[in-house]
């Protein structure tokens, strides 16, 4: 095996998932009034560090999943499956990426280090026996999607150490990740079929398309509820984006229902140009909402009772 094979198992093409760090940075900067110049260097260190920690987890994942990936028609060509990788080099790569990634996060912020260490630890929980939560129904989704609020915390902590990120934002982010993962599992089950899917991932022996769809609905509802609490408390103008966010949820679910769905491999979502363009429009509108004041929304904060005038304005 060449050096290219060892690079592949680190999956640098998955680093785009660490874009989930940036909302934490944006919210922390806006709520604390911290200018970009004060944390630009820490953000660069934190982003690179979390990418390397994620790559360490991917190396562990690919090595320990080789016997299962053999049953997946798209993953059976991975270097860890076809053979030729040396165990000692794989674990050396894992340790090297872990130490370097955690070291960069420590240079960014001590609190960012703790968050990155939590992400590294979840890689062990998710992949290593006897825990191996990826084989346990529902825990597979929850233990993988919790990496989303951990990433957000890294972004937050490169700006400020205190206070901690709001609980409503963290839980909402977690449930958003749960929705994405549940749709991914649904798409995988449809693509592989129940028999092959259970060989590839043990939890599929207990899932059905119906249970995964119901769980996705739960995660989407919970995400909307908790994110709504956060937005209502910190920035009312952002609530106007909820119809667009609901469309994004529905659109992603529709993508998950397509044959050979791109939701199975989120790293390929860049091919869904219209969907990505729609997300960028939402991001742009969210940025605008932070700087545009709409005083007429204040009526939503007024406690009103039956018989009182409730008209805005």
Foldseek 3Di string as FASTA:
>chain_A
DDVVLLVVLLPLLPLVVLVLQAVLQVVLCLVVVPDCVVQVQLVVLLSVLLSLLSSLLSLLQLQLLLQLLCLPPVSCPRDNNVDDDDPVVSVVSSVVSNVSSLVSLVVLDVQLSVLSVVVSVLSCQCRPPPNNLQQAAPSVLQSVLLNSLSSSQSSNVSGPPPDGPDPLQSLLSSLVSSLLVLLLVLLVCVANPQPSVCSNGVNSVVDDNVVSVVSSVVSVVSSCVSVVVVCVVPAVLLVVCVVLVVVLSVVVSVQSPDHVGCSNPVSPCVVVPVSVVSVVVSVVVVVVSSVDDDVQSCLVVDDDDPPDDSDTD
